[in-house]
Every structure is written in structure tokens, then in C-alpha cells.
Amino acid sequence: MSMGFLAVPLIVFMVFVAPLWLILHYRSQRHAAQGLSSEDHEKLQALVVRAEQMQTRIVTLEKILDAEAPQWRHKQ
């Protein structure tokens, strides 16, 4: 009785779930190994440009704050 109780779920798992799991796993691995698509690369480049613009803005704001409120970095 207990052997049949465990055998049925194990057979279902091995026949249906495990192959599907392996197929999906290796498909996602292959997709990840292909790298970025051209669209993803363009988006990444746009983000890099935005990050550089933000960095220059932050530096400018820090210079303004240093001139107008020299103790701003020490306030918490």
C-alpha cells in the first residue's frame, strides 16, 4: 500500500515534471548565454548616457551646496 502511494507521484514527476523542468532550464540557460540583443544593447547605452548626465548634475549640485552651505555633508 505505501509503495503504491509513493510510486504514483514519483512516476508522474519523472514522466511529466522533470522533462519539462529540464527543457525550460536549458532553454533559459541558452537564452542567457546568447548575450544582449541589439535592442537591449541600445537600451543599455541610453542608460549609460543618462547615468553620466546624472553624475555631472550631482557634482554640480554638490559644488553649489558646498558654496552655499559648507556643513551640509555633516548634517544627518
N, C-alpha and C. Protein backbone atom coordinates (compact mmCIF):
# COMPACT_ATOMS: atom_id res chain seq x y z
N MET A 1 0.82 -1.19 0.00
CA MET A 1 0.00 0.00 0.00
C MET A 1 0.86 1.26 0.00
N SER A 2 1.86 1.33 0.90
CA SER A 2 2.68 2.54 0.97
C SER A 2 3.58 2.67 -0.25
N MET A 3 3.96 1.54 -0.87
CA MET A 3 4.80 1.60 -2.07
C MET A 3 4.02 2.22 -3.23
N GLY A 4 2.77 1.87 -3.39
CA GLY A 4 1.93 2.45 -4.44
C GLY A 4 1.64 3.91 -4.16
N PHE A 5 1.56 4.26 -2.91
CA PHE A 5 1.29 5.65 -2.51
C PHE A 5 2.44 6.57 -2.92
N LEU A 6 3.66 6.07 -2.87
CA LEU A 6 4.82 6.86 -3.28
C LEU A 6 5.16 6.70 -4.75
N ALA A 7 4.85 5.57 -5.33
CA ALA A 7 5.24 5.29 -6.70
C ALA A 7 4.48 6.15 -7.71
N VAL A 8 3.21 6.37 -7.50
CA VAL A 8 2.41 7.15 -8.46
C VAL A 8 2.90 8.59 -8.57
N PRO A 9 3.06 9.32 -7.47
CA PRO A 9 3.58 10.69 -7.62
C PRO A 9 5.00 10.73 -8.19
N LEU A 10 5.81 9.73 -7.85
CA LEU A 10 7.17 9.68 -8.38
C LEU A 10 7.16 9.44 -9.89
N ILE A 11 6.29 8.56 -10.36
CA ILE A 11 6.19 8.30 -11.80
C ILE A 11 5.68 9.54 -12.53
N VAL A 12 4.67 10.19 -11.97
CA VAL A 12 4.14 11.41 -12.58
C VAL A 12 5.22 12.48 -12.65
N PHE A 13 5.98 12.61 -11.59
CA PHE A 13 7.06 13.60 -11.57
C PHE A 13 8.09 13.28 -12.63
N MET A 14 8.52 12.04 -12.71
CA MET A 14 9.58 11.65 -13.64
C MET A 14 9.12 11.72 -15.10
N VAL A 15 7.84 11.49 -15.37
CA VAL A 15 7.35 11.46 -16.74
C VAL A 15 6.98 12.86 -17.23
N PHE A 16 6.38 13.67 -16.38
CA PHE A 16 5.87 14.98 -16.83
C PHE A 16 6.68 16.17 -16.32
N VAL A 17 6.92 16.22 -15.05
CA VAL A 17 7.52 17.41 -14.45
C VAL A 17 9.01 17.51 -14.74
N ALA A 18 9.76 16.45 -14.53
CA ALA A 18 11.21 16.50 -14.70
C ALA A 18 11.63 16.85 -16.13
N PRO A 19 11.06 16.23 -17.17
CA PRO A 19 11.47 16.63 -18.52
C PRO A 19 11.13 18.09 -18.85
N LEU A 20 9.95 18.52 -18.43
CA LEU A 20 9.57 19.91 -18.67
C LEU A 20 10.50 20.86 -17.93
N TRP A 21 10.83 20.51 -16.71
CA TRP A 21 11.74 21.31 -15.91
C TRP A 21 13.11 21.40 -16.60
N LEU A 22 13.63 20.29 -17.07
CA LEU A 22 14.93 20.29 -17.73
C LEU A 22 14.90 21.09 -19.03
N ILE A 23 13.85 20.94 -19.82
CA ILE A 23 13.74 21.68 -21.08
C ILE A 23 13.72 23.18 -20.80
N LEU A 24 12.91 23.61 -19.86
CA LEU A 24 12.83 25.05 -19.54
C LEU A 24 14.13 25.57 -18.96
N HIS A 25 14.79 24.76 -18.14
CA HIS A 25 16.05 25.18 -17.54
C HIS A 25 17.12 25.40 -18.61
N TYR A 26 17.29 24.44 -19.50
CA TYR A 26 18.34 24.57 -20.50
C TYR A 26 18.00 25.61 -21.56
N ARG A 27 16.72 25.83 -21.82
CA ARG A 27 16.35 26.89 -22.75
C ARG A 27 16.69 28.24 -22.16
N SER A 28 16.43 28.42 -20.86
CA SER A 28 16.78 29.70 -20.23
C SER A 28 18.29 29.88 -20.15
N GLN A 29 19.03 28.79 -19.95
CA GLN A 29 20.48 28.87 -19.93
C GLN A 29 21.02 29.28 -21.30
N ARG A 30 20.47 28.72 -22.36
CA ARG A 30 20.90 29.06 -23.71
C ARG A 30 20.56 30.51 -24.03
N HIS A 31 19.39 30.96 -23.58
CA HIS A 31 19.00 32.35 -23.82
C HIS A 31 19.93 33.31 -23.08
N ALA A 32 20.30 32.97 -21.87
CA ALA A 32 21.20 33.82 -21.09
C ALA A 32 22.60 33.84 -21.69
N ALA A 33 23.02 32.74 -22.28
CA ALA A 33 24.36 32.66 -22.84
C ALA A 33 24.48 33.42 -24.16
N GLN A 34 23.37 33.69 -24.83
CA GLN A 34 23.43 34.39 -26.11
C GLN A 34 23.83 35.85 -25.94
N GLY A 35 23.64 36.40 -24.77
CA GLY A 35 24.02 37.79 -24.53
C GLY A 35 22.88 38.74 -24.83
N LEU A 36 23.23 40.00 -24.97
CA LEU A 36 22.23 41.04 -25.18
C LEU A 36 21.82 41.12 -26.65
N SER A 37 20.55 41.38 -26.85
CA SER A 37 20.08 41.63 -28.21
C SER A 37 20.46 43.07 -28.58
N SER A 38 20.30 43.43 -29.83
CA SER A 38 20.65 44.79 -30.26
C SER A 38 19.76 45.81 -29.56
N GLU A 39 18.49 45.46 -29.35
CA GLU A 39 17.58 46.37 -28.64
C GLU A 39 18.02 46.56 -27.20
N ASP A 40 18.40 45.47 -26.53
CA ASP A 40 18.88 45.56 -25.15
C ASP A 40 20.17 46.37 -25.08
N HIS A 41 21.04 46.20 -26.07
CA HIS A 41 22.29 46.94 -26.11
C HIS A 41 22.02 48.44 -26.26
N GLU A 42 21.07 48.80 -27.10
CA GLU A 42 20.71 50.21 -27.28
C GLU A 42 20.14 50.79 -25.99
N LYS A 43 19.29 50.03 -25.32
CA LYS A 43 18.72 50.50 -24.04
C LYS A 43 19.82 50.69 -23.00
N LEU A 44 20.77 49.77 -22.98
CA LEU A 44 21.87 49.87 -22.03
C LEU A 44 22.72 51.10 -22.31
N GLN A 45 22.98 51.37 -23.58
CA GLN A 45 23.75 52.56 -23.95
C GLN A 45 23.01 53.83 -23.54
N ALA A 46 21.69 53.86 -23.73
CA ALA A 46 20.90 55.02 -23.33
C ALA A 46 20.97 55.20 -21.82
N LEU A 47 20.93 54.12 -21.07
CA LEU A 47 21.03 54.20 -19.61
C LEU A 47 22.40 54.71 -19.18
N VAL A 48 23.44 54.30 -19.88
CA VAL A 48 24.78 54.78 -19.57
C VAL A 48 24.87 56.29 -19.77
N VAL A 49 24.30 56.77 -20.87
CA VAL A 49 24.31 58.21 -21.14
C VAL A 49 23.55 58.95 -20.04
N ARG A 50 22.37 58.44 -19.67
CA ARG A 50 21.58 59.08 -18.60
C ARG A 50 22.34 59.09 -17.28
N ALA A 51 23.02 57.99 -16.97
CA ALA A 51 23.78 57.91 -15.72
C ALA A 51 24.91 58.93 -15.70
N GLU A 52 25.59 59.10 -16.84
CA GLU A 52 26.67 60.09 -16.91
C GLU A 52 26.11 61.50 -16.75
N GLN A 53 24.95 61.78 -17.36
CA GLN A 53 24.32 63.09 -17.19
C GLN A 53 23.95 63.33 -15.73
N MET A 54 23.39 62.32 -15.09
CA MET A 54 23.02 62.45 -13.68
C MET A 54 24.26 62.67 -12.81
N GLN A 55 25.35 62.00 -13.14
CA GLN A 55 26.57 62.17 -12.36
C GLN A 55 27.08 63.60 -12.46
N THR A 56 27.06 64.19 -13.65
CA THR A 56 27.51 65.59 -13.78
C THR A 56 26.57 66.53 -13.03
N ARG A 57 25.27 66.24 -13.04
CA ARG A 57 24.32 67.06 -12.28
C ARG A 57 24.57 66.96 -10.79
N ILE A 58 24.87 65.76 -10.32
CA ILE A 58 25.14 65.57 -8.89
C ILE A 58 26.39 66.33 -8.48
N VAL A 59 27.43 66.28 -9.29
CA VAL A 59 28.66 67.01 -8.99
C VAL A 59 28.38 68.51 -8.93
N THR A 60 27.60 69.00 -9.89
CA THR A 60 27.25 70.42 -9.90
C THR A 60 26.46 70.80 -8.66
N LEU A 61 25.48 69.99 -8.29
CA LEU A 61 24.69 70.28 -7.09
C LEU A 61 25.55 70.25 -5.83
N GLU A 62 26.48 69.31 -5.77
CA GLU A 62 27.36 69.26 -4.60
C GLU A 62 28.24 70.50 -4.52
N LYS A 63 28.71 70.99 -5.65
CA LYS A 63 29.50 72.22 -5.65
C LYS A 63 28.68 73.41 -5.18
N ILE A 64 27.43 73.48 -5.63
CA ILE A 64 26.55 74.57 -5.19
C ILE A 64 26.30 74.48 -3.70
N LEU A 65 26.01 73.28 -3.21
CA LEU A 65 25.77 73.11 -1.78
C LEU A 65 27.02 73.39 -0.96
N ASP A 66 28.19 73.00 -1.46
CA ASP A 66 29.43 73.30 -0.75
C ASP A 66 29.64 74.81 -0.63
N ALA A 67 29.27 75.55 -1.67
CA ALA A 67 29.45 77.01 -1.64
C ALA A 67 28.42 77.69 -0.73
N GLU A 68 27.18 77.22 -0.76
CA GLU A 68 26.12 77.90 -0.01
C GLU A 68 25.95 77.37 1.41
N ALA A 69 26.20 76.09 1.64
CA ALA A 69 26.03 75.50 2.97
C ALA A 69 27.16 74.50 3.19
N PRO A 70 28.33 74.99 3.62
CA PRO A 70 29.51 74.12 3.72
C PRO A 70 29.33 72.91 4.67
N GLN A 71 28.43 73.00 5.61
CA GLN A 71 28.27 71.90 6.58
C GLN A 71 27.20 70.88 6.17
N TRP A 72 26.71 70.94 4.95
CA TRP A 72 25.59 70.08 4.54
C TRP A 72 25.97 68.58 4.56
N ARG A 73 27.23 68.29 4.33
CA ARG A 73 27.65 66.87 4.33
C ARG A 73 27.67 66.27 5.72
N HIS A 74 27.83 67.10 6.73
CA HIS A 74 27.95 66.59 8.11
C HIS A 74 26.62 66.53 8.81
N LYS A 75 25.55 67.10 8.22
CA LYS A 75 24.23 67.05 8.84
C LYS A 75 23.59 65.71 8.53
N GLN A 76 22.91 65.17 9.55
CA GLN A 76 22.21 63.91 9.34
C GLN A 76 20.84 63.97 9.94
